[in-house]
């Protein structure tokens, strides 16, 4: 699988996409992140990182896949990390519609920006 999911810190889960990936792998990775998140009593933020990865399918299938993913109530900020502005815009829009528990959804171009945004937006 071209996605890894792990704790970046005690309040950030890093979902990292590498190489070639598809929307089913996206859905699986997000479900793994939400499962980890649901085991915490604290607010948990997501850093969804696409830098250096390649997507080979259209976004039309994404809404159907992501609708099946249940988001936990303790979700904080979701930060999408991508150099592809179109992908960032589409993901931000779709996650905003299907992810009512997210405190905020933002798009940035690198991991450092993502960490800084989360640190400056929440109290740890």
PDB file of N, CA and C in Angstrom:
ATOM      1  N   UNK A   1       0.834  -1.172   0.000  1.00  0.00           N
ATOM      2  CA  UNK A   1       0.000   0.000   0.000  1.00  0.00           C
ATOM      3  C   UNK A   1       0.887   1.247   0.000  1.00  0.00           C
ATOM      4  N   UNK A   2       0.446   2.288  -0.643  1.00  0.00           N
ATOM      5  CA  UNK A   2       1.224   3.508  -0.818  1.00  0.00           C
ATOM      6  C   UNK A   2       0.891   4.576   0.209  1.00  0.00           C
ATOM      7  N   UNK A   3       0.323   4.181   1.334  1.00  0.00           N
ATOM      8  CA  UNK A   3      -0.011   5.137   2.389  1.00  0.00           C
ATOM      9  C   UNK A   3       0.417   4.571   3.735  1.00  0.00           C
ATOM     10  N   UNK A   4       1.017   5.449   4.561  1.00  0.00           N
ATOM     11  CA  UNK A   4       1.353   5.069   5.932  1.00  0.00           C
ATOM     12  C   UNK A   4       0.621   6.022   6.867  1.00  0.00           C
ATOM     13  N   UNK A   5       0.256   5.502   8.027  1.00  0.00           N
ATOM     14  CA  UNK A   5      -0.466   6.279   9.018  1.00  0.00           C
ATOM     15  C   UNK A   5       0.232   6.096  10.353  1.00  0.00           C
ATOM     16  N   UNK A   6       0.659   7.215  10.969  1.00  0.00           N
ATOM     17  CA  UNK A   6       1.299   7.119  12.280  1.00  0.00           C
ATOM     18  C   UNK A   6       1.155   8.430  13.038  1.00  0.00           C
ATOM     19  N   UNK A   7       1.493   8.384  14.314  1.00  0.00           N
ATOM     20  CA  UNK A   7       1.440   9.579  15.149  1.00  0.00           C
ATOM     21  C   UNK A   7       2.656  10.436  14.847  1.00  0.00           C
ATOM     22  N   UNK A   8       2.430  11.706  14.547  1.00  0.00           N
ATOM     23  CA  UNK A   8       3.504  12.672  14.328  1.00  0.00           C
ATOM     24  C   UNK A   8       3.869  13.311  15.669  1.00  0.00           C
ATOM     25  N   UNK A   9       2.876  13.467  16.532  1.00  0.00           N
ATOM     26  CA  UNK A   9       3.039  13.948  17.898  1.00  0.00           C
ATOM     27  C   UNK A   9       1.829  13.446  18.676  1.00  0.00           C
ATOM     28  N   UNK A  10       1.728  13.845  19.918  1.00  0.00           N
ATOM     29  CA  UNK A  10       0.616  13.347  20.733  1.00  0.00           C
ATOM     30  C   UNK A  10      -0.749  13.874  20.288  1.00  0.00           C
ATOM     31  N   UNK A  11      -0.757  14.872  19.399  1.00  0.00           N
ATOM     32  CA  UNK A  11      -2.039  15.422  18.944  1.00  0.00           C
ATOM     33  C   UNK A  11      -2.130  15.561  17.421  1.00  0.00           C
ATOM     34  N   UNK A  12      -1.203  14.912  16.689  1.00  0.00           N
ATOM     35  CA  UNK A  12      -1.226  14.974  15.223  1.00  0.00           C
ATOM     36  C   UNK A  12      -1.011  13.580  14.644  1.00  0.00           C
ATOM     37  N   UNK A  13      -1.915  13.167  13.778  1.00  0.00           N
ATOM     38  CA  UNK A  13      -1.736  11.925  13.013  1.00  0.00           C
ATOM     39  C   UNK A  13      -1.280  12.316  11.616  1.00  0.00           C
ATOM     40  N   UNK A  14      -0.227  11.666  11.145  1.00  0.00           N
ATOM     41  CA  UNK A  14       0.340  11.934   9.817  1.00  0.00           C
ATOM     42  C   UNK A  14      -0.091  10.811   8.873  1.00  0.00           C
ATOM     43  N   UNK A  15      -0.845  11.161   7.857  1.00  0.00           N
ATOM     44  CA  UNK A  15      -1.248  10.221   6.809  1.00  0.00           C
ATOM     45  C   UNK A  15      -0.386  10.577   5.603  1.00  0.00           C
ATOM     46  N   UNK A  16       0.545   9.706   5.249  1.00  0.00           N
ATOM     47  CA  UNK A  16       1.535  10.019   4.221  1.00  0.00           C
ATOM     48  C   UNK A  16       1.344   9.137   2.992  1.00  0.00           C
ATOM     49  N   UNK A  17       1.116   9.789   1.859  1.00  0.00           N
ATOM     50  CA  UNK A  17       0.942   9.087   0.589  1.00  0.00           C
ATOM     51  C   UNK A  17       2.256   9.115  -0.173  1.00  0.00           C
ATOM     52  N   UNK A  18       2.674   7.950  -0.654  1.00  0.00           N
ATOM     53  CA  UNK A  18       3.944   7.830  -1.366  1.00  0.00           C
ATOM     54  C   UNK A  18       3.707   7.169  -2.716  1.00  0.00           C
ATOM     55  N   UNK A  19       4.547   7.526  -3.653  1.00  0.00           N
ATOM     56  CA  UNK A  19       4.516   6.907  -4.982  1.00  0.00           C
ATOM     57  C   UNK A  19       3.127   7.006  -5.606  1.00  0.00           C
ATOM     58  N   UNK A  20       2.682   5.926  -6.234  1.00  0.00           N
ATOM     59  CA  UNK A  20       1.380   5.877  -6.912  1.00  0.00           C
ATOM     60  C   UNK A  20       0.318   5.401  -5.924  1.00  0.00           C
ATOM     61  N   UNK A  21      -0.818   6.062  -5.901  1.00  0.00           N
ATOM     62  CA  UNK A  21      -1.905   5.667  -5.012  1.00  0.00           C
ATOM     63  C   UNK A  21      -3.235   5.882  -5.721  1.00  0.00           C
ATOM     64  N   UNK A  22      -4.271   5.256  -5.165  1.00  0.00           N
ATOM     65  CA  UNK A  22      -5.609   5.421  -5.731  1.00  0.00           C
ATOM     66  C   UNK A  22      -6.588   5.794  -4.620  1.00  0.00           C
ATOM     67  N   UNK A  23      -7.832   6.033  -4.980  1.00  0.00           N
ATOM     68  CA  UNK A  23      -8.801   6.497  -3.989  1.00  0.00           C
ATOM     69  C   UNK A  23      -9.157   5.430  -2.973  1.00  0.00           C
ATOM     70  N   UNK A  24      -9.067   4.171  -3.337  1.00  0.00           N
ATOM     71  CA  UNK A  24      -9.324   3.113  -2.346  1.00  0.00           C
ATOM     72  C   UNK A  24      -8.251   3.148  -1.259  1.00  0.00           C
ATOM     73  N   UNK A  25      -6.992   3.364  -1.665  1.00  0.00           N
ATOM     74  CA  UNK A  25      -5.916   3.490  -0.675  1.00  0.00           C
ATOM     75  C   UNK A  25      -6.114   4.745   0.176  1.00  0.00           C
ATOM     76  N   UNK A  26      -6.601   5.815  -0.436  1.00  0.00           N
ATOM     77  CA  UNK A  26      -6.915   7.023   0.311  1.00  0.00           C
ATOM     78  C   UNK A  26      -7.949   6.709   1.389  1.00  0.00           C
ATOM     79  N   UNK A  27      -9.028   6.048   1.002  1.00  0.00           N
ATOM     80  CA  UNK A  27     -10.088   5.704   1.939  1.00  0.00           C
ATOM     81  C   UNK A  27      -9.566   4.830   3.078  1.00  0.00           C
ATOM     82  N   UNK A  28      -8.756   3.830   2.737  1.00  0.00           N
ATOM     83  CA  UNK A  28      -8.188   2.932   3.745  1.00  0.00           C
ATOM     84  C   UNK A  28      -7.290   3.704   4.708  1.00  0.00           C
ATOM     85  N   UNK A  29      -6.449   4.573   4.183  1.00  0.00           N
ATOM     86  CA  UNK A  29      -5.564   5.372   5.025  1.00  0.00           C
ATOM     87  C   UNK A  29      -6.335   6.289   5.960  1.00  0.00           C
ATOM     88  N   UNK A  30      -7.370   6.933   5.446  1.00  0.00           N
ATOM     89  CA  UNK A  30      -8.166   7.824   6.277  1.00  0.00           C
ATOM     90  C   UNK A  30      -8.910   7.037   7.354  1.00  0.00           C
ATOM     91  N   UNK A  31      -9.405   5.858   6.997  1.00  0.00           N
ATOM     92  CA  UNK A  31     -10.088   5.034   8.005  1.00  0.00           C
ATOM     93  C   UNK A  31      -9.116   4.634   9.109  1.00  0.00           C
ATOM     94  N   UNK A  32      -7.879   4.287   8.744  1.00  0.00           N
ATOM     95  CA  UNK A  32      -6.866   3.952   9.756  1.00  0.00           C
ATOM     96  C   UNK A  32      -6.608   5.158  10.665  1.00  0.00           C
ATOM     97  N   UNK A  33      -6.517   6.340  10.077  1.00  0.00           N
ATOM     98  CA  UNK A  33      -6.293   7.553  10.864  1.00  0.00           C
ATOM     99  C   UNK A  33      -7.458   7.802  11.819  1.00  0.00           C
ATOM    100  N   UNK A  34      -8.679   7.651  11.339  1.00  0.00           N
ATOM    101  CA  UNK A  34      -9.846   7.886  12.183  1.00  0.00           C
ATOM    102  C   UNK A  34      -9.938   6.841  13.295  1.00  0.00           C
ATOM    103  N   UNK A  35      -9.508   5.618  13.018  1.00  0.00           N
ATOM    104  CA  UNK A  35      -9.483   4.583  14.055  1.00  0.00           C
ATOM    105  C   UNK A  35      -8.500   4.964  15.154  1.00  0.00           C
ATOM    106  N   UNK A  36      -7.290   5.402  14.763  1.00  0.00           N
ATOM    107  CA  UNK A  36      -6.315   5.876  15.752  1.00  0.00           C
ATOM    108  C   UNK A  36      -6.888   7.049  16.545  1.00  0.00           C
ATOM    109  N   UNK A  37      -7.487   7.975  15.845  1.00  0.00           N
ATOM    110  CA  UNK A  37      -8.035   9.175  16.467  1.00  0.00           C
ATOM    111  C   UNK A  37      -9.100   8.826  17.498  1.00  0.00           C
ATOM    112  N   UNK A  38      -9.949   7.867  17.169  1.00  0.00           N
ATOM    113  CA  UNK A  38     -11.057   7.515  18.056  1.00  0.00           C
ATOM    114  C   UNK A  38     -10.583   6.881  19.362  1.00  0.00           C
ATOM    115  N   UNK A  39      -9.332   6.445  19.412  1.00  0.00           N
ATOM    116  CA  UNK A  39      -8.790   5.838  20.633  1.00  0.00           C
ATOM    117  C   UNK A  39      -8.235   6.877  21.598  1.00  0.00           C
ATOM    118  N   UNK A  40      -8.247   8.134  21.202  1.00  0.00           N
ATOM    119  CA  UNK A  40      -7.728   9.207  22.039  1.00  0.00           C
ATOM    120  C   UNK A  40      -8.881   9.986  22.662  1.00  0.00           C
ATOM    121  N   UNK A  41      -8.685  10.428  23.884  1.00  0.00           N
ATOM    122  CA  UNK A  41      -9.685  11.267  24.546  1.00  0.00           C
ATOM    123  C   UNK A  41      -9.484  12.742  24.203  1.00  0.00           C
ATOM    124  N   UNK A  42      -8.336  13.075  23.623  1.00  0.00           N
ATOM    125  CA  UNK A  42      -8.004  14.458  23.283  1.00  0.00           C
ATOM    126  C   UNK A  42      -8.430  14.776  21.853  1.00  0.00           C
ATOM    127  N   UNK A  43      -8.431  16.067  21.534  1.00  0.00           N
ATOM    128  CA  UNK A  43      -8.621  16.491  20.156  1.00  0.00           C
ATOM    129  C   UNK A  43      -7.378  16.096  19.370  1.00  0.00           C
ATOM    130  N   UNK A  44      -7.587  15.505  18.212  1.00  0.00           N
ATOM    131  CA  UNK A  44      -6.486  15.038  17.368  1.00  0.00           C
ATOM    132  C   UNK A  44      -6.611  15.694  15.997  1.00  0.00           C
ATOM    133  N   UNK A  45      -5.488  16.185  15.490  1.00  0.00           N
ATOM    134  CA  UNK A  45      -5.433  16.843  14.190  1.00  0.00           C
ATOM    135  C   UNK A  45      -4.835  15.907  13.153  1.00  0.00           C
ATOM    136  N   UNK A  46      -5.191  16.122  11.892  1.00  0.00           N
ATOM    137  CA  UNK A  46      -4.688  15.293  10.797  1.00  0.00           C
ATOM    138  C   UNK A  46      -3.791  16.102   9.875  1.00  0.00           C
ATOM    139  N   UNK A  47      -2.663  15.511   9.512  1.00  0.00           N
ATOM    140  CA  UNK A  47      -1.816  16.060   8.462  1.00  0.00           C
ATOM    141  C   UNK A  47      -1.833  15.018   7.342  1.00  0.00           C
ATOM    142  N   UNK A  48      -2.509  15.338   6.254  1.00  0.00           N
ATOM    143  CA  UNK A  48      -2.680  14.422   5.126  1.00  0.00           C
ATOM    144  C   UNK A  48      -1.711  14.872   4.036  1.00  0.00           C
ATOM    145  N   UNK A  49      -0.635  14.113   3.857  1.00  0.00           N
ATOM    146  CA  UNK A  49       0.542  14.556   3.104  1.00  0.00           C
ATOM    147  C   UNK A  49       0.658  13.839   1.758  1.00  0.00           C
ATOM    148  N   UNK A  50       0.555  14.614   0.678  1.00  0.00           N
ATOM    149  CA  UNK A  50       0.641  14.077  -0.677  1.00  0.00           C
ATOM    150  C   UNK A  50       1.925  14.477  -1.403  1.00  0.00           C
ATOM    151  N   UNK A  51       2.819  15.198  -0.739  1.00  0.00           N
ATOM    152  CA  UNK A  51       4.036  15.687  -1.400  1.00  0.00           C
ATOM    153  C   UNK A  51       4.855  14.503  -1.915  1.00  0.00           C
ATOM    154  N   UNK A  52       5.185  14.538  -3.186  1.00  0.00           N
ATOM    155  CA  UNK A  52       5.979  13.475  -3.800  1.00  0.00           C
ATOM    156  C   UNK A  52       5.190  12.263  -4.256  1.00  0.00           C
ATOM    157  N   UNK A  53       3.872  12.314  -4.121  1.00  0.00           N
ATOM    158  CA  UNK A  53       3.060  11.166  -4.543  1.00  0.00           C
ATOM    159  C   UNK A  53       2.388  11.459  -5.880  1.00  0.00           C
ATOM    160  N   UNK A  54       1.838  10.401  -6.473  1.00  0.00           N
ATOM    161  CA  UNK A  54       1.199  10.511  -7.779  1.00  0.00           C
ATOM    162  C   UNK A  54      -0.146   9.807  -7.724  1.00  0.00           C
ATOM    163  N   UNK A  55      -1.204  10.522  -8.123  1.00  0.00           N
ATOM    164  CA  UNK A  55      -2.544   9.950  -8.192  1.00  0.00           C
ATOM    165  C   UNK A  55      -2.855   9.661  -9.652  1.00  0.00           C
ATOM    166  N   UNK A  56      -3.431   8.480  -9.905  1.00  0.00           N
ATOM    167  CA  UNK A  56      -3.692   8.079 -11.286  1.00  0.00           C
ATOM    168  C   UNK A  56      -5.153   7.980 -11.668  1.00  0.00           C
ATOM    169  N   UNK A  57      -6.055   8.330 -10.774  1.00  0.00           N
ATOM    170  CA  UNK A  57      -7.472   8.226 -11.101  1.00  0.00           C
ATOM    171  C   UNK A  57      -8.155   9.560 -10.848  1.00  0.00           C
ATOM    172  N   UNK A  58      -9.312   9.748 -11.454  1.00  0.00           N
ATOM    173  CA  UNK A  58     -10.033  11.012 -11.305  1.00  0.00           C
ATOM    174  C   UNK A  58     -10.626  11.130  -9.904  1.00  0.00           C
ATOM    175  N   UNK A  59     -11.019  12.335  -9.553  1.00  0.00           N
ATOM    176  CA  UNK A  59     -11.617  12.562  -8.237  1.00  0.00           C
ATOM    177  C   UNK A  59     -13.099  12.234  -8.193  1.00  0.00           C
ATOM    178  N   UNK A  60     -13.694  11.851  -9.301  1.00  0.00           N
ATOM    179  CA  UNK A  60     -15.135  11.593  -9.316  1.00  0.00           C
ATOM    180  C   UNK A  60     -15.525  10.443  -8.388  1.00  0.00           C
ATOM    181  N   UNK A  61     -14.651   9.481  -8.166  1.00  0.00           N
ATOM    182  CA  UNK A  61     -14.964   8.349  -7.298  1.00  0.00           C
ATOM    183  C   UNK A  61     -14.776   8.683  -5.821  1.00  0.00           C
ATOM    184  N   UNK A  62     -14.100   9.775  -5.529  1.00  0.00           N
ATOM    185  CA  UNK A  62     -13.748  10.083  -4.143  1.00  0.00           C
ATOM    186  C   UNK A  62     -14.954  10.296  -3.252  1.00  0.00           C
ATOM    187  N   UNK A  63     -15.941  11.029  -3.692  1.00  0.00           N
ATOM    188  CA  UNK A  63     -17.098  11.330  -2.843  1.00  0.00           C
ATOM    189  C   UNK A  63     -17.789  10.054  -2.380  1.00  0.00           C
ATOM    190  N   UNK A  64     -17.938   9.075  -3.267  1.00  0.00           N
ATOM    191  CA  UNK A  64     -18.578   7.817  -2.883  1.00  0.00           C
ATOM    192  C   UNK A  64     -17.746   7.038  -1.880  1.00  0.00           C
ATOM    193  N   UNK A  65     -16.438   7.063  -2.038  1.00  0.00           N
ATOM    194  CA  UNK A  65     -15.554   6.324  -1.131  1.00  0.00           C
ATOM    195  C   UNK A  65     -15.507   7.003   0.226  1.00  0.00           C
ATOM    196  N   UNK A  66     -15.316   8.299   0.255  1.00  0.00           N
ATOM    197  CA  UNK A  66     -15.146   9.012   1.512  1.00  0.00           C
ATOM    198  C   UNK A  66     -16.437   9.078   2.315  1.00  0.00           C
ATOM    199  N   UNK A  67     -17.614   9.020   1.656  1.00  0.00           N
ATOM    200  CA  UNK A  67     -18.883   9.005   2.373  1.00  0.00           C
ATOM    201  C   UNK A  67     -19.003   7.805   3.299  1.00  0.00           C
ATOM    202  N   UNK A  68     -18.301   6.737   2.994  1.00  0.00           N
ATOM    203  CA  UNK A  68     -18.362   5.513   3.790  1.00  0.00           C
ATOM    204  C   UNK A  68     -17.495   5.590   5.038  1.00  0.00           C
ATOM    205  N   UNK A  69     -16.663   6.604   5.147  1.00  0.00           N
ATOM    206  CA  UNK A  69     -15.739   6.737   6.270  1.00  0.00           C
ATOM    207  C   UNK A  69     -16.399   7.576   7.359  1.00  0.00           C
ATOM    208  N   UNK A  70     -16.471   7.012   8.574  1.00  0.00           N
ATOM    209  CA  UNK A  70     -17.071   7.714   9.692  1.00  0.00           C
ATOM    210  C   UNK A  70     -16.001   8.475  10.464  1.00  0.00           C
ATOM    211  N   UNK A  71     -16.212   9.757  10.680  1.00  0.00           N
ATOM    212  CA  UNK A  71     -15.220  10.578  11.361  1.00  0.00           C
ATOM    213  C   UNK A  71     -15.525  10.668  12.854  1.00  0.00           C
ATOM    214  N   UNK A  72     -14.492  10.601  13.693  1.00  0.00           N
ATOM    215  CA  UNK A  72     -14.710  10.670  15.135  1.00  0.00           C
ATOM    216  C   UNK A  72     -14.995  12.105  15.607  1.00  0.00           C
ATOM    217  N   UNK A  73     -15.687  12.255  16.726  1.00  0.00           N
ATOM    218  CA  UNK A  73     -16.062  13.586  17.206  1.00  0.00           C
ATOM    219  C   UNK A  73     -14.885  14.412  17.741  1.00  0.00           C
ATOM    220  N   UNK A  74     -13.749  13.780  18.021  1.00  0.00           N
ATOM    221  CA  UNK A  74     -12.608  14.515  18.579  1.00  0.00           C
ATOM    222  C   UNK A  74     -11.640  15.004  17.505  1.00  0.00           C
ATOM    223  N   UNK A  75     -12.092  15.039  16.266  1.00  0.00           N
ATOM    224  CA  UNK A  75     -11.217  15.513  15.193  1.00  0.00           C
ATOM    225  C   UNK A  75     -11.036  17.014  15.278  1.00  0.00           C
ATOM    226  N   UNK A  76      -9.788  17.441  15.171  1.00  0.00           N
ATOM    227  CA  UNK A  76      -9.468  18.865  15.161  1.00  0.00           C
ATOM    228  C   UNK A  76      -9.313  19.355  13.734  1.00  0.00           C
ATOM    229  N   UNK A  77      -8.171  19.934  13.465  1.00  0.00           N
ATOM    230  CA  UNK A  77      -7.865  20.497  12.152  1.00  0.00           C
ATOM    231  C   UNK A  77      -7.399  19.400  11.202  1.00  0.00           C
ATOM    232  N   UNK A  78      -7.794  19.488   9.943  1.00  0.00           N
ATOM    233  CA  UNK A  78      -7.243  18.642   8.887  1.00  0.00           C
ATOM    234  C   UNK A  78      -6.436  19.552   7.972  1.00  0.00           C
ATOM    235  N   UNK A  79      -5.146  19.227   7.821  1.00  0.00           N
ATOM    236  CA  UNK A  79      -4.287  20.003   6.943  1.00  0.00           C
ATOM    237  C   UNK A  79      -3.855  19.095   5.794  1.00  0.00           C
ATOM    238  N   UNK A  80      -4.196  19.498   4.587  1.00  0.00           N
ATOM    239  CA  UNK A  80      -3.817  18.772   3.375  1.00  0.00           C
ATOM    240  C   UNK A  80      -2.503  19.372   2.883  1.00  0.00           C
ATOM    241  N   UNK A  81      -1.503  18.520   2.728  1.00  0.00           N
ATOM    242  CA  UNK A  81      -0.187  18.980   2.284  1.00  0.00           C
ATOM    243  C   UNK A  81       0.023  18.492   0.852  1.00  0.00           C
ATOM    244  N   UNK A  82       0.055  19.434  -0.085  1.00  0.00           N
ATOM    245  CA  UNK A  82       0.231  19.074  -1.484  1.00  0.00           C
ATOM    246  C   UNK A  82       0.787  20.252  -2.262  1.00  0.00           C
ATOM    247  N   UNK A  83       1.558  19.936  -3.276  1.00  0.00           N
ATOM    248  CA  UNK A  83       2.049  20.956  -4.202  1.00  0.00           C
ATOM    249  C   UNK A  83       1.103  21.104  -5.389  1.00  0.00           C
ATOM    250  N   UNK A  84       0.089  20.249  -5.448  1.00  0.00           N
ATOM    251  CA  UNK A  84      -0.900  20.248  -6.523  1.00  0.00           C
ATOM    252  C   UNK A  84      -2.138  21.032  -6.061  1.00  0.00           C
ATOM    253  N   UNK A  85      -2.244  22.279  -6.466  1.00  0.00           N
ATOM    254  CA  UNK A  85      -3.329  23.148  -6.008  1.00  0.00           C
ATOM    255  C   UNK A  85      -4.709  22.585  -6.347  1.00  0.00           C
ATOM    256  N   UNK A  86      -4.848  21.985  -7.515  1.00  0.00           N
ATOM    257  CA  UNK A  86      -6.140  21.424  -7.915  1.00  0.00           C
ATOM    258  C   UNK A  86      -6.544  20.275  -6.988  1.00  0.00           C
ATOM    259  N   UNK A  87      -5.608  19.373  -6.709  1.00  0.00           N
ATOM    260  CA  UNK A  87      -5.889  18.270  -5.789  1.00  0.00           C
ATOM    261  C   UNK A  87      -6.249  18.816  -4.414  1.00  0.00           C
ATOM    262  N   UNK A  88      -5.505  19.791  -3.932  1.00  0.00           N
ATOM    263  CA  UNK A  88      -5.790  20.394  -2.631  1.00  0.00           C
ATOM    264  C   UNK A  88      -7.175  21.000  -2.567  1.00  0.00           C
ATOM    265  N   UNK A  89      -7.553  21.736  -3.608  1.00  0.00           N
ATOM    266  CA  UNK A  89      -8.880  22.352  -3.646  1.00  0.00           C
ATOM    267  C   UNK A  89      -9.984  21.303  -3.656  1.00  0.00           C
ATOM    268  N   UNK A  90      -9.822  20.277  -4.478  1.00  0.00           N
ATOM    269  CA  UNK A  90     -10.849  19.231  -4.563  1.00  0.00           C
ATOM    270  C   UNK A  90     -10.985  18.473  -3.246  1.00  0.00           C
ATOM    271  N   UNK A  91      -9.848  18.097  -2.656  1.00  0.00           N
ATOM    272  CA  UNK A  91      -9.896  17.373  -1.388  1.00  0.00           C
ATOM    273  C   UNK A  91     -10.489  18.234  -0.278  1.00  0.00           C
ATOM    274  N   UNK A  92     -10.111  19.488  -0.232  1.00  0.00           N
ATOM    275  CA  UNK A  92     -10.632  20.400   0.774  1.00  0.00           C
ATOM    276  C   UNK A  92     -12.148  20.513   0.657  1.00  0.00           C
ATOM    277  N   UNK A  93     -12.636  20.654  -0.555  1.00  0.00           N
ATOM    278  CA  UNK A  93     -14.074  20.763  -0.794  1.00  0.00           C
ATOM    279  C   UNK A  93     -14.805  19.484  -0.378  1.00  0.00           C
ATOM    280  N   UNK A  94     -14.309  18.346  -0.833  1.00  0.00           N
ATOM    281  CA  UNK A  94     -14.981  17.072  -0.543  1.00  0.00           C
ATOM    282  C   UNK A  94     -14.909  16.733   0.941  1.00  0.00           C
ATOM    283  N   UNK A  95     -13.730  16.915   1.549  1.00  0.00           N
ATOM    284  CA  UNK A  95     -13.621  16.626   2.983  1.00  0.00           C
ATOM    285  C   UNK A  95     -14.479  17.582   3.799  1.00  0.00           C
ATOM    286  N   UNK A  96     -14.605  18.813   3.358  1.00  0.00           N
ATOM    287  CA  UNK A  96     -15.476  19.762   4.044  1.00  0.00           C
ATOM    288  C   UNK A  96     -16.932  19.331   4.030  1.00  0.00           C
ATOM    289  N   UNK A  97     -17.364  18.717   2.946  1.00  0.00           N
ATOM    290  CA  UNK A  97     -18.745  18.252   2.828  1.00  0.00           C
ATOM    291  C   UNK A  97     -18.990  16.961   3.585  1.00  0.00           C
ATOM    292  N   UNK A  98     -17.997  16.088   3.633  1.00  0.00           N
ATOM    293  CA  UNK A  98     -18.202  14.752   4.198  1.00  0.00           C
ATOM    294  C   UNK A  98     -17.631  14.604   5.596  1.00  0.00           C
ATOM    295  N   UNK A  99     -17.036  15.650   6.134  1.00  0.00           N
ATOM    296  CA  UNK A  99     -16.325  15.562   7.389  1.00  0.00           C
ATOM    297  C   UNK A  99     -16.818  16.644   8.357  1.00  0.00           C
ATOM    298  N   UNK A 100     -18.014  16.494   8.900  1.00  0.00           N
ATOM    299  CA  UNK A 100     -18.598  17.548   9.730  1.00  0.00           C
ATOM    300  C   UNK A 100     -17.866  17.775  11.053  1.00  0.00           C
ATOM    301  N   UNK A 101     -17.069  16.830  11.498  1.00  0.00           N
ATOM    302  CA  UNK A 101     -16.395  16.965  12.775  1.00  0.00           C
ATOM    303  C   UNK A 101     -15.085  17.740  12.703  1.00  0.00           C
ATOM    304  N   UNK A 102     -14.578  17.990  11.521  1.00  0.00           N
ATOM    305  CA  UNK A 102     -13.309  18.719  11.401  1.00  0.00           C
ATOM    306  C   UNK A 102     -13.499  20.167  11.826  1.00  0.00           C
ATOM    307  N   UNK A 103     -12.600  20.651  12.680  1.00  0.00           N
ATOM    308  CA  UNK A 103     -12.668  22.032  13.144  1.00  0.00           C
ATOM    309  C   UNK A 103     -12.336  23.001  12.014  1.00  0.00           C
ATOM    310  N   UNK A 104     -11.438  22.585  11.127  1.00  0.00           N
ATOM    311  CA  UNK A 104     -11.004  23.426  10.015  1.00  0.00           C
ATOM    312  C   UNK A 104     -10.299  22.525   9.012  1.00  0.00           C
ATOM    313  N   UNK A 105     -10.386  22.886   7.751  1.00  0.00           N
ATOM    314  CA  UNK A 105      -9.649  22.173   6.710  1.00  0.00           C
ATOM    315  C   UNK A 105      -8.826  23.207   5.966  1.00  0.00           C
ATOM    316  N   UNK A 106      -7.526  22.948   5.868  1.00  0.00           N
ATOM    317  CA  UNK A 106      -6.620  23.892   5.217  1.00  0.00           C
ATOM    318  C   UNK A 106      -5.739  23.148   4.232  1.00  0.00           C
ATOM    319  N   UNK A 107      -5.206  23.882   3.267  1.00  0.00           N
ATOM    320  CA  UNK A 107      -4.273  23.320   2.282  1.00  0.00           C
ATOM    321  C   UNK A 107      -2.990  24.122   2.358  1.00  0.00           C
ATOM    322  N   UNK A 108      -1.863  23.411   2.492  1.00  0.00           N
ATOM    323  CA  UNK A 108      -0.542  24.034   2.504  1.00  0.00           C
ATOM    324  C   UNK A 108       0.370  23.250   1.570  1.00  0.00           C
ATOM    325  N   UNK A 109       1.566  23.799   1.296  1.00  0.00           N
ATOM    326  CA  UNK A 109       2.431  23.160   0.310  1.00  0.00           C
ATOM    327  C   UNK A 109       3.565  22.317   0.899  1.00  0.00           C
ATOM    328  N   UNK A 110       3.770  22.349   2.239  1.00  0.00           N
ATOM    329  CA  UNK A 110       4.821  21.494   2.812  1.00  0.00           C
ATOM    330  C   UNK A 110       4.509  21.154   4.262  1.00  0.00           C
ATOM    331  N   UNK A 111       5.197  20.145   4.766  1.00  0.00           N
ATOM    332  CA  UNK A 111       4.957  19.648   6.110  1.00  0.00           C
ATOM    333  C   UNK A 111       5.241  20.660   7.204  1.00  0.00           C
ATOM    334  N   UNK A 112       6.257  21.487   7.015  1.00  0.00           N
ATOM    335  CA  UNK A 112       6.585  22.495   8.020  1.00  0.00           C
ATOM    336  C   UNK A 112       5.433  23.491   8.186  1.00  0.00           C
ATOM    337  N   UNK A 113       4.856  23.913   7.062  1.00  0.00           N
ATOM    338  CA  UNK A 113       3.698  24.806   7.119  1.00  0.00           C
ATOM    339  C   UNK A 113       2.540  24.139   7.852  1.00  0.00           C
ATOM    340  N   UNK A 114       2.336  22.849   7.595  1.00  0.00           N
ATOM    341  CA  UNK A 114       1.240  22.109   8.230  1.00  0.00           C
ATOM    342  C   UNK A 114       1.412  22.077   9.747  1.00  0.00           C
ATOM    343  N   UNK A 115       2.610  21.731  10.209  1.00  0.00           N
ATOM    344  CA  UNK A 115       2.881  21.658  11.649  1.00  0.00           C
ATOM    345  C   UNK A 115       2.699  23.039  12.283  1.00  0.00           C
ATOM    346  N   UNK A 116       3.226  24.068  11.628  1.00  0.00           N
ATOM    347  CA  UNK A 116       3.091  25.429  12.165  1.00  0.00           C
ATOM    348  C   UNK A 116       1.632  25.864  12.236  1.00  0.00           C
ATOM    349  N   UNK A 117       0.863  25.553  11.213  1.00  0.00           N
ATOM    350  CA  UNK A 117      -0.555  25.909  11.208  1.00  0.00           C
ATOM    351  C   UNK A 117      -1.279  25.233  12.369  1.00  0.00           C
ATOM    352  N   UNK A 118      -1.020  23.956  12.569  1.00  0.00           N
ATOM    353  CA  UNK A 118      -1.668  23.233  13.664  1.00  0.00           C
ATOM    354  C   UNK A 118      -1.233  23.820  15.012  1.00  0.00           C
ATOM    355  N   UNK A 119       0.066  24.021  15.186  1.00  0.00           N
ATOM    356  CA  UNK A 119       0.568  24.566  16.459  1.00  0.00           C
ATOM    357  C   UNK A 119       0.000  25.950  16.748  1.00  0.00           C
ATOM    358  N   UNK A 120      -0.145  26.780  15.727  1.00  0.00           N
ATOM    359  CA  UNK A 120      -0.655  28.134  15.921  1.00  0.00           C
ATOM    360  C   UNK A 120      -2.171  28.194  16.034  1.00  0.00           C
ATOM    361  N   UNK A 121      -2.856  27.126  15.684  1.00  0.00           N
ATOM    362  CA  UNK A 121      -4.318  27.128  15.674  1.00  0.00           C
ATOM    363  C   UNK A 121      -4.937  26.467  16.886  1.00  0.00           C
ATOM    364  N   UNK A 122      -4.162  25.622  17.570  1.00  0.00           N
ATOM    365  CA  UNK A 122      -4.708  24.889  18.712  1.00  0.00           C
ATOM    366  C   UNK A 122      -3.810  25.065  19.922  1.00  0.00           C
ATOM    367  N   UNK A 123      -4.409  24.913  21.058  1.00  0.00           N
ATOM    368  CA  UNK A 123      -3.627  24.927  22.298  1.00  0.00           C
ATOM    369  C   UNK A 123      -3.358  23.484  22.685  1.00  0.00           C
ATOM    370  N   UNK A 124      -2.094  23.189  22.928  1.00  0.00           N
ATOM    371  CA  UNK A 124      -1.697  21.821  23.273  1.00  0.00           C
ATOM    372  C   UNK A 124      -1.508  21.711  24.767  1.00  0.00           C
TER     373      UNK A 124
END
